[in-house]
Amino acid sequence: EREKVEKRWPAAVRFIEQHKLNEFFDGDAGDIGIVMQGGMYNTALRALEVLGLADVFGDSRIPLYVLNVTYPLIDAEFVRFCAGKKAILIIEEGQPEFIEQAVNTILRRADIQTRVEGKGMLPMAGEYTGGVMKAGLRKFVATYRPDLLPGAASPAALPLPDEFAFGAELPLT
């Protein structure tokens, strides 16, 4: 256990950082951000595109932090990504919300008060299909930056269909 904590874990963190295994993508809406597991990237980007928040070339208006390595999480990367942001959305398929809980701990220990959203905006269980992702992203953006959505309504005016809770496929258009 001591070797793991004192040698292997720090070596893993250094390797992830040095080889830039996690990816950062800038966006002009720098006061919010989206953190996701690497496997969620394509679906999230397509949902952002449909919402008018990304283009077909993968450029998102919202900064993205893509976790190609989800364990161990890199505290310094989270601190850097979240500094100056009022809120981030964690896109984490599966339950419980391990990454969301860990990020809250990382940020509070660093005295960063960025609001961490996740399973409150997305379903606790079920597949994050394109429609589910689009609905969750819309809810997040409508809550924290409604000005980014064309003809944006308040989050209360965006009812979620019953199918959302069960992870059913919703149309992207």
Protein backbone atom coordinates (compact mmCIF):
# COMPACT_ATOMS: atom_id res chain seq x y z
CA GLU A 1 0.00 0.00 0.00
CA ARG A 2 2.81 2.39 0.90
CA GLU A 3 4.55 1.77 -2.45
CA LYS A 4 1.29 2.45 -4.28
CA VAL A 5 0.71 5.76 -2.50
CA GLU A 6 4.30 6.96 -2.43
CA LYS A 7 5.62 5.74 -5.80
CA ARG A 8 3.15 4.22 -8.26
CA TRP A 9 0.34 6.77 -7.91
CA PRO A 10 2.60 9.82 -8.31
CA ALA A 11 4.32 8.07 -11.25
CA ALA A 12 0.95 7.49 -12.91
CA VAL A 13 -0.04 11.13 -12.40
CA ARG A 14 3.28 12.32 -13.89
CA PHE A 15 2.89 9.98 -16.87
CA ILE A 16 -0.67 11.19 -17.59
CA GLU A 17 0.37 14.84 -17.34
CA GLN A 18 3.63 14.50 -19.31
CA HIS A 19 1.98 12.60 -22.15
CA LYS A 20 -1.12 14.86 -22.13
CA LEU A 21 -3.42 11.85 -22.12
CA ASN A 22 -6.38 13.99 -21.06
CA GLU A 23 -7.40 16.68 -23.55
CA PHE A 24 -8.46 20.31 -23.18
CA PHE A 25 -10.42 22.24 -25.80
CA ASP A 26 -10.95 25.99 -25.46
CA GLY A 27 -14.21 27.79 -26.05
CA ASP A 28 -15.31 31.40 -25.92
CA ALA A 29 -17.85 30.72 -23.12
CA GLY A 30 -15.06 30.40 -20.57
CA ASP A 31 -17.18 30.87 -17.44
CA ILE A 32 -18.66 27.37 -17.80
CA GLY A 33 -17.16 24.06 -18.85
CA ILE A 34 -17.89 20.43 -19.60
CA VAL A 35 -15.88 17.48 -18.28
CA MET A 36 -16.51 14.07 -19.80
CA GLN A 37 -15.24 10.55 -20.01
CA GLY A 38 -13.38 10.11 -23.29
CA GLY A 39 -16.01 7.72 -24.65
CA MET A 40 -18.67 10.41 -24.33
CA TYR A 41 -16.83 12.92 -26.54
CA ASN A 42 -18.41 12.18 -29.93
CA THR A 43 -21.97 12.10 -28.61
CA ALA A 44 -21.45 15.24 -26.54
CA LEU A 45 -19.92 17.12 -29.45
CA ARG A 46 -22.75 16.13 -31.77
CA ALA A 47 -25.33 17.24 -29.19
CA LEU A 48 -23.49 20.56 -28.80
CA GLU A 49 -23.51 20.96 -32.58
CA VAL A 50 -27.27 20.35 -32.77
CA LEU A 51 -27.75 22.94 -30.01
CA GLY A 52 -25.71 25.46 -32.01
CA LEU A 53 -22.82 25.35 -29.53
CA ALA A 54 -20.22 23.58 -31.69
CA ASP A 55 -19.40 23.32 -35.37
CA VAL A 56 -18.93 20.31 -37.62
CA PHE A 57 -15.15 20.56 -37.16
CA GLY A 58 -15.39 19.89 -33.42
CA ASP A 59 -14.93 23.45 -32.18
CA SER A 60 -17.10 23.94 -29.11
CA ARG A 61 -18.13 27.32 -27.71
CA ILE A 62 -17.93 25.74 -24.25
CA PRO A 63 -14.49 24.67 -22.99
CA LEU A 64 -14.13 20.89 -22.77
CA TYR A 65 -11.96 18.68 -20.57
CA VAL A 66 -11.91 15.14 -21.93
CA LEU A 67 -10.83 12.45 -19.46
CA ASN A 68 -9.18 9.80 -21.57
CA VAL A 69 -7.85 8.53 -18.23
CA THR A 70 -10.48 8.49 -15.50
CA TYR A 71 -8.30 6.96 -12.78
CA PRO A 72 -6.40 8.45 -11.25
CA LEU A 73 -7.98 11.87 -11.66
CA ILE A 74 -5.41 14.64 -11.91
CA ASP A 75 -6.14 17.26 -9.26
CA ALA A 76 -3.98 19.95 -10.89
CA GLU A 77 -5.80 19.55 -14.22
CA PHE A 78 -9.19 19.98 -12.55
CA VAL A 79 -8.02 23.00 -10.58
CA ARG A 80 -6.65 24.61 -13.76
CA PHE A 81 -9.76 23.82 -15.82
CA CYS A 82 -12.25 25.00 -13.17
CA ALA A 83 -10.49 28.17 -12.03
CA GLY A 84 -12.70 31.14 -12.89
CA LYS A 85 -15.68 29.03 -13.96
CA LYS A 86 -19.04 29.42 -12.27
CA ALA A 87 -20.14 25.89 -13.20
CA ILE A 88 -19.05 22.69 -14.91
CA LEU A 89 -21.06 19.72 -16.12
CA ILE A 90 -19.62 16.25 -15.52
CA ILE A 91 -20.78 13.79 -18.18
CA GLU A 92 -20.27 10.42 -16.55
CA GLU A 93 -22.20 7.39 -17.74
CA GLY A 94 -22.92 4.86 -15.05
CA GLN A 95 -23.69 5.10 -11.39
CA PRO A 96 -22.99 6.16 -8.78
CA GLU A 97 -21.40 9.45 -9.74
CA PHE A 98 -17.80 8.62 -8.78
CA ILE A 99 -16.13 11.35 -10.87
CA GLU A 100 -18.64 14.00 -9.78
CA GLN A 101 -18.03 13.19 -6.10
CA ALA A 102 -14.24 13.18 -6.52
CA VAL A 103 -14.26 16.49 -8.40
CA ASN A 104 -16.26 18.14 -5.64
CA THR A 105 -13.62 16.98 -3.16
CA ILE A 106 -10.72 18.13 -5.36
CA LEU A 107 -12.20 21.59 -5.90
CA ARG A 108 -13.27 22.21 -2.30
CA ARG A 109 -9.82 21.22 -1.01
CA ALA A 110 -8.34 23.73 -3.45
CA ASP A 111 -10.89 26.34 -2.28
CA ILE A 112 -12.40 26.61 -5.76
CA GLN A 113 -16.14 27.21 -5.54
CA THR A 114 -17.10 26.21 -9.09
CA ARG A 115 -20.54 24.58 -9.06
CA VAL A 116 -20.32 20.92 -10.12
CA GLU A 117 -23.33 19.55 -11.98
CA GLY A 118 -23.76 16.02 -13.26
CA LYS A 119 -26.44 13.50 -12.42
CA GLY A 120 -28.83 16.36 -11.56
CA MET A 121 -28.77 17.34 -15.24
CA LEU A 122 -28.37 13.86 -16.74
CA PRO A 123 -29.98 10.54 -15.79
CA MET A 124 -28.47 8.53 -12.94
CA ALA A 125 -28.71 5.35 -15.01
CA GLY A 126 -29.17 4.32 -18.61
CA GLU A 127 -27.30 4.95 -21.82
CA TYR A 128 -26.41 8.54 -22.67
CA THR A 129 -27.79 8.51 -26.20
CA GLY A 130 -27.72 11.56 -28.44
CA GLY A 131 -31.13 12.75 -27.33
CA VAL A 132 -30.40 12.23 -23.64
CA MET A 133 -27.09 14.08 -24.00
CA LYS A 134 -28.74 16.93 -25.89
CA ALA A 135 -31.43 17.35 -23.21
CA GLY A 136 -28.86 17.36 -20.38
CA LEU A 137 -26.55 19.81 -22.15
CA ARG A 138 -29.48 22.08 -22.96
CA LYS A 139 -30.56 22.06 -19.32
CA PHE A 140 -27.02 22.89 -18.13
CA VAL A 141 -26.53 25.73 -20.62
CA ALA A 142 -30.04 27.11 -20.00
CA THR A 143 -29.27 27.20 -16.27
CA TYR A 144 -25.83 28.85 -16.42
CA ARG A 145 -25.57 30.59 -19.81
CA PRO A 146 -29.02 30.87 -21.39
CA ASP A 147 -27.69 33.61 -23.66
CA LEU A 148 -25.80 30.92 -25.62
CA LEU A 149 -28.99 29.17 -26.75
CA PRO A 150 -30.86 30.62 -29.72
CA GLY A 151 -34.28 31.78 -28.48
CA ALA A 152 -33.34 30.49 -25.03
CA ALA A 153 -36.00 29.92 -22.45
CA SER A 154 -35.51 29.52 -18.74
CA PRO A 155 -34.68 26.00 -17.51
CA ALA A 156 -38.18 25.73 -16.03
CA ALA A 157 -39.59 26.25 -19.51
CA LEU A 158 -37.67 23.24 -20.82
CA PRO A 159 -39.73 20.26 -19.68
CA LEU A 160 -38.09 16.91 -20.08
CA PRO A 161 -40.16 14.18 -21.69
CA ASP A 162 -41.01 11.12 -19.58
CA GLU A 163 -38.71 9.02 -21.76
CA PHE A 164 -35.72 11.08 -20.52
CA ALA A 165 -35.79 9.37 -17.13
CA PHE A 166 -35.52 5.96 -18.75
CA GLY A 167 -32.71 6.82 -21.17
CA ALA A 168 -34.83 6.35 -24.28
CA GLU A 169 -33.53 7.72 -27.55
CA LEU A 170 -34.78 11.21 -28.24
CA PRO A 171 -34.50 12.75 -31.70
CA LEU A 172 -31.49 15.05 -32.16
CA THR A 173 -33.35 17.49 -34.39
